[in-house]
Amino acid sequence: MDTKFISRSEEFLLLAVWRLKENAYGVTIRDQIQKATGKTWAYGALFVMLCRLEKKGYLTSHFADPSSLRGGKSKRIFRLSPQGLGALTEVRKAQESAWSGIGELAVPQERGR
């Protein structure tokens, strides 16, 4: 078992790719992350992380057929690899364990006031 977990950003990105299945490319991944988190990621940062996750073996990619709607350009489609699925499963189990038994979070009341 790996002793290092994926980062929270990597987790969001891998989850977006998993949700989008065969429609996981730059624009849709960015839109899915924004929908899930309310945060907008720069395309440059997104593609740097996609390439890093592919190098680590968590993602694979291929180019779709060129589209006249895109001026003859191909979309680079990303897929979650078995290693990526394993990383998500591992971090989910760790989070569930860490949060186990913790109820609603509230600001602690100061004593003596």
C-alpha atoms as a PDB file:
ATOM      1  CA  MET A   1       0.000   0.000   0.000  1.00  0.00           C
ATOM      2  CA  ASP A   2       1.190   3.496  -0.844  1.00  0.00           C
ATOM      3  CA  THR A   3       1.917   5.608   2.224  1.00  0.00           C
ATOM      4  CA  LYS A   4       1.166   8.831   0.356  1.00  0.00           C
ATOM      5  CA  PHE A   5      -2.365   9.833  -0.589  1.00  0.00           C
ATOM      6  CA  ILE A   6      -3.362  11.808  -3.642  1.00  0.00           C
ATOM      7  CA  SER A   7      -3.952  15.502  -2.988  1.00  0.00           C
ATOM      8  CA  ARG A   8      -7.434  16.969  -2.653  1.00  0.00           C
ATOM      9  CA  SER A   9      -7.050  18.665  -6.055  1.00  0.00           C
ATOM     10  CA  GLU A  10      -5.995  15.374  -7.637  1.00  0.00           C
ATOM     11  CA  GLU A  11      -8.995  13.719  -6.023  1.00  0.00           C
ATOM     12  CA  PHE A  12     -11.398  16.302  -7.506  1.00  0.00           C
ATOM     13  CA  LEU A  13      -9.811  15.912 -10.925  1.00  0.00           C
ATOM     14  CA  LEU A  14      -9.889  12.097 -10.896  1.00  0.00           C
ATOM     15  CA  LEU A  15     -13.510  12.138  -9.715  1.00  0.00           C
ATOM     16  CA  ALA A  16     -14.436  14.511 -12.542  1.00  0.00           C
ATOM     17  CA  VAL A  17     -12.833  12.186 -15.106  1.00  0.00           C
ATOM     18  CA  TRP A  18     -14.634   9.197 -13.576  1.00  0.00           C
ATOM     19  CA  ARG A  19     -18.022  10.965 -13.679  1.00  0.00           C
ATOM     20  CA  LEU A  20     -17.589  12.132 -17.286  1.00  0.00           C
ATOM     21  CA  LYS A  21     -16.536   8.701 -18.616  1.00  0.00           C
ATOM     22  CA  GLU A  22     -15.942   8.974 -22.412  1.00  0.00           C
ATOM     23  CA  ASN A  23     -16.662  12.723 -22.395  1.00  0.00           C
ATOM     24  CA  ALA A  24     -13.712  13.663 -20.139  1.00  0.00           C
ATOM     25  CA  TYR A  25     -11.665  16.324 -21.903  1.00  0.00           C
ATOM     26  CA  GLY A  26     -10.325  19.709 -20.790  1.00  0.00           C
ATOM     27  CA  VAL A  27     -13.492  21.830 -21.009  1.00  0.00           C
ATOM     28  CA  THR A  28     -15.859  19.226 -19.546  1.00  0.00           C
ATOM     29  CA  ILE A  29     -13.431  18.311 -16.749  1.00  0.00           C
ATOM     30  CA  ARG A  30     -13.068  21.981 -15.796  1.00  0.00           C
ATOM     31  CA  ASP A  31     -16.863  22.434 -15.878  1.00  0.00           C
ATOM     32  CA  GLN A  32     -17.402  19.319 -13.732  1.00  0.00           C
ATOM     33  CA  ILE A  33     -14.892  20.511 -11.124  1.00  0.00           C
ATOM     34  CA  GLN A  34     -16.553  23.923 -11.014  1.00  0.00           C
ATOM     35  CA  LYS A  35     -19.964  22.292 -10.625  1.00  0.00           C
ATOM     36  CA  ALA A  36     -18.724  20.095  -7.767  1.00  0.00           C
ATOM     37  CA  THR A  37     -16.629  22.665  -5.890  1.00  0.00           C
ATOM     38  CA  GLY A  38     -17.802  26.108  -6.953  1.00  0.00           C
ATOM     39  CA  LYS A  39     -14.175  26.909  -7.886  1.00  0.00           C
ATOM     40  CA  THR A  40     -12.867  27.699 -11.369  1.00  0.00           C
ATOM     41  CA  TRP A  41      -9.524  26.236 -12.341  1.00  0.00           C
ATOM     42  CA  ALA A  42      -7.265  27.792 -14.956  1.00  0.00           C
ATOM     43  CA  TYR A  43      -6.856  25.590 -18.015  1.00  0.00           C
ATOM     44  CA  GLY A  44      -3.081  25.701 -17.669  1.00  0.00           C
ATOM     45  CA  ALA A  45      -3.223  24.366 -14.111  1.00  0.00           C
ATOM     46  CA  LEU A  46      -5.756  21.734 -15.159  1.00  0.00           C
ATOM     47  CA  PHE A  47      -3.615  20.398 -17.995  1.00  0.00           C
ATOM     48  CA  VAL A  48      -0.448  20.383 -15.894  1.00  0.00           C
ATOM     49  CA  MET A  49      -2.236  18.212 -13.337  1.00  0.00           C
ATOM     50  CA  LEU A  50      -3.794  15.964 -16.017  1.00  0.00           C
ATOM     51  CA  CYS A  51      -0.355  15.318 -17.506  1.00  0.00           C
ATOM     52  CA  ARG A  52       1.165  14.678 -14.064  1.00  0.00           C
ATOM     53  CA  LEU A  53      -1.604  12.199 -13.184  1.00  0.00           C
ATOM     54  CA  GLU A  54      -1.103  10.445 -16.502  1.00  0.00           C
ATOM     55  CA  LYS A  55       2.649  10.148 -15.806  1.00  0.00           C
ATOM     56  CA  LYS A  56       1.855   8.680 -12.383  1.00  0.00           C
ATOM     57  CA  GLY A  57      -0.370   6.080 -14.073  1.00  0.00           C
ATOM     58  CA  TYR A  58      -3.668   7.320 -12.632  1.00  0.00           C
ATOM     59  CA  LEU A  59      -5.020   8.405 -16.037  1.00  0.00           C
ATOM     60  CA  THR A  60      -4.711   7.366 -19.656  1.00  0.00           C
ATOM     61  CA  SER A  61      -5.556   9.505 -22.664  1.00  0.00           C
ATOM     62  CA  HIS A  62      -6.202   9.290 -26.379  1.00  0.00           C
ATOM     63  CA  PHE A  63      -7.142  11.724 -29.128  1.00  0.00           C
ATOM     64  CA  ALA A  64     -10.672  11.548 -30.512  1.00  0.00           C
ATOM     65  CA  ASP A  65     -11.339  11.942 -34.213  1.00  0.00           C
ATOM     66  CA  PRO A  66     -10.943  15.526 -35.454  1.00  0.00           C
ATOM     67  CA  SER A  67     -14.119  17.596 -35.549  1.00  0.00           C
ATOM     68  CA  SER A  68     -15.073  20.266 -38.078  1.00  0.00           C
ATOM     69  CA  LEU A  69     -16.788  22.076 -35.182  1.00  0.00           C
ATOM     70  CA  ARG A  70     -13.353  22.423 -33.569  1.00  0.00           C
ATOM     71  CA  GLY A  71     -11.601  23.565 -36.753  1.00  0.00           C
ATOM     72  CA  GLY A  72     -10.281  20.067 -37.433  1.00  0.00           C
ATOM     73  CA  LYS A  73      -8.759  19.680 -33.978  1.00  0.00           C
ATOM     74  CA  SER A  74      -9.024  16.531 -31.892  1.00  0.00           C
ATOM     75  CA  LYS A  75     -10.139  16.371 -28.270  1.00  0.00           C
ATOM     76  CA  ARG A  76      -7.780  14.668 -25.850  1.00  0.00           C
ATOM     77  CA  ILE A  77     -10.013  12.280 -23.914  1.00  0.00           C
ATOM     78  CA  PHE A  78      -8.894  11.132 -20.457  1.00  0.00           C
ATOM     79  CA  ARG A  79      -9.844   7.908 -18.683  1.00  0.00           C
ATOM     80  CA  LEU A  80      -9.322   6.740 -15.141  1.00  0.00           C
ATOM     81  CA  SER A  81      -6.878   3.829 -14.964  1.00  0.00           C
ATOM     82  CA  PRO A  82      -7.189   0.934 -12.501  1.00  0.00           C
ATOM     83  CA  GLN A  83      -4.377   2.593 -10.495  1.00  0.00           C
ATOM     84  CA  GLY A  84      -6.373   5.853 -10.432  1.00  0.00           C
ATOM     85  CA  LEU A  85      -9.476   4.026  -9.249  1.00  0.00           C
ATOM     86  CA  GLY A  86      -7.376   2.399  -6.527  1.00  0.00           C
ATOM     87  CA  ALA A  87      -6.044   5.789  -5.389  1.00  0.00           C
ATOM     88  CA  LEU A  88      -9.593   7.168  -5.159  1.00  0.00           C
ATOM     89  CA  THR A  89     -10.775   4.117  -3.235  1.00  0.00           C
ATOM     90  CA  GLU A  90      -7.845   4.383  -0.821  1.00  0.00           C
ATOM     91  CA  VAL A  91      -8.378   8.077  -0.084  1.00  0.00           C
ATOM     92  CA  ARG A  92     -12.138   7.570   0.320  1.00  0.00           C
ATOM     93  CA  LYS A  93     -11.612   4.810   2.891  1.00  0.00           C
ATOM     94  CA  ALA A  94      -9.127   6.966   4.792  1.00  0.00           C
ATOM     95  CA  GLN A  95     -11.514   9.925   4.813  1.00  0.00           C
ATOM     96  CA  GLU A  96     -14.435   7.798   5.972  1.00  0.00           C
ATOM     97  CA  SER A  97     -12.286   6.410   8.771  1.00  0.00           C
ATOM     98  CA  ALA A  98     -11.058   9.856   9.805  1.00  0.00           C
ATOM     99  CA  TRP A  99     -14.618  11.271   9.853  1.00  0.00           C
ATOM    100  CA  SER A 100     -16.133   8.227  11.573  1.00  0.00           C
ATOM    101  CA  GLY A 101     -17.925   9.151  14.790  1.00  0.00           C
ATOM    102  CA  ILE A 102     -17.744  12.876  14.178  1.00  0.00           C
ATOM    103  CA  GLY A 103     -21.132  14.492  14.148  1.00  0.00           C
ATOM    104  CA  GLU A 104     -22.035  17.977  13.024  1.00  0.00           C
ATOM    105  CA  LEU A 105     -19.135  20.404  13.232  1.00  0.00           C
ATOM    106  CA  ALA A 106     -19.757  23.496  15.309  1.00  0.00           C
ATOM    107  CA  VAL A 107     -17.641  26.343  16.643  1.00  0.00           C
ATOM    108  CA  PRO A 108     -16.706  25.518  20.241  1.00  0.00           C
ATOM    109  CA  GLN A 109     -18.179  27.842  22.878  1.00  0.00           C
ATOM    110  CA  GLU A 110     -15.664  29.770  24.967  1.00  0.00           C
ATOM    111  CA  ARG A 111     -15.882  29.193  28.714  1.00  0.00           C
ATOM    112  CA  GLY A 112     -16.383  31.999  31.167  1.00  0.00           C
ATOM    113  CA  ARG A 113     -18.237  34.347  28.885  1.00  0.00           C
END
